[in-house]
Amino acid sequence: MSEETKKPAEEQTTKKAEYISEKAMAEILKGIRQRLPVKEYANKKFSPEQMKQIRLGMKSGISYQLYAAPYISPSAMKQWRKMLEKGVGDKDIIDYLAQDGRSYDAEQIKQIRMGMKDKLDVKLFANPDYSAEQMKQIRLGVKNDIDYEVYANGNFSAEQRLPTGEFSRPAAAESVTEN
């Protein structure tokens, strides 16, 4: 009997192999080739898609740490990265958006990014309780100096009719173009 099998089960140490997917390994190798600090994202808590967004942020030289969290979806990470790369978000507004563990989906972040690009006060519509469509309607209302208050009501969906019987998205508002 070997020395290892003579020990009680609690004392025997077994090494579990940790497997990493091919996609995750590819992201790590890309980072190494680009001379990036892969330790920041070479972690099983990140999916390969999240690793990619963190790596791209590192490569761009932005503050990727602001969105490098396992609970943020890859598509939301992409929106945060785009916002930071385009210089439309600063640390203060991102801190505001991340306060109290707020979580936005990718479409909501897109609306915030577009509002920042237009130099709007995104605090008027940056609320994770609003749907992306509500955020869009409020953003367009603020941008075009149209009353947006009805969309800020959490009980009002973008598809409902207004008290006047009109659809919530009047033709005039629909014809407004986005940059």
Foldseek 3Di string as FASTA:
>chain_A
DDPLVVDPPVPRDDDDDDDDDPLLVVLLVVLVVVVHPLVLPSDPLADSLLSNLLSVLVVLVFPLVLPNDSVADSLLSNLVSVLRSVVLDDPVVSCVLCPPNHYAHNLLSNLLSLLSVLVHPLVQQSDRLQDSLLSNQLSLCRSVVHDSVVSVPSVDHQQDPDPVRHGSQDPVSVPDDGD
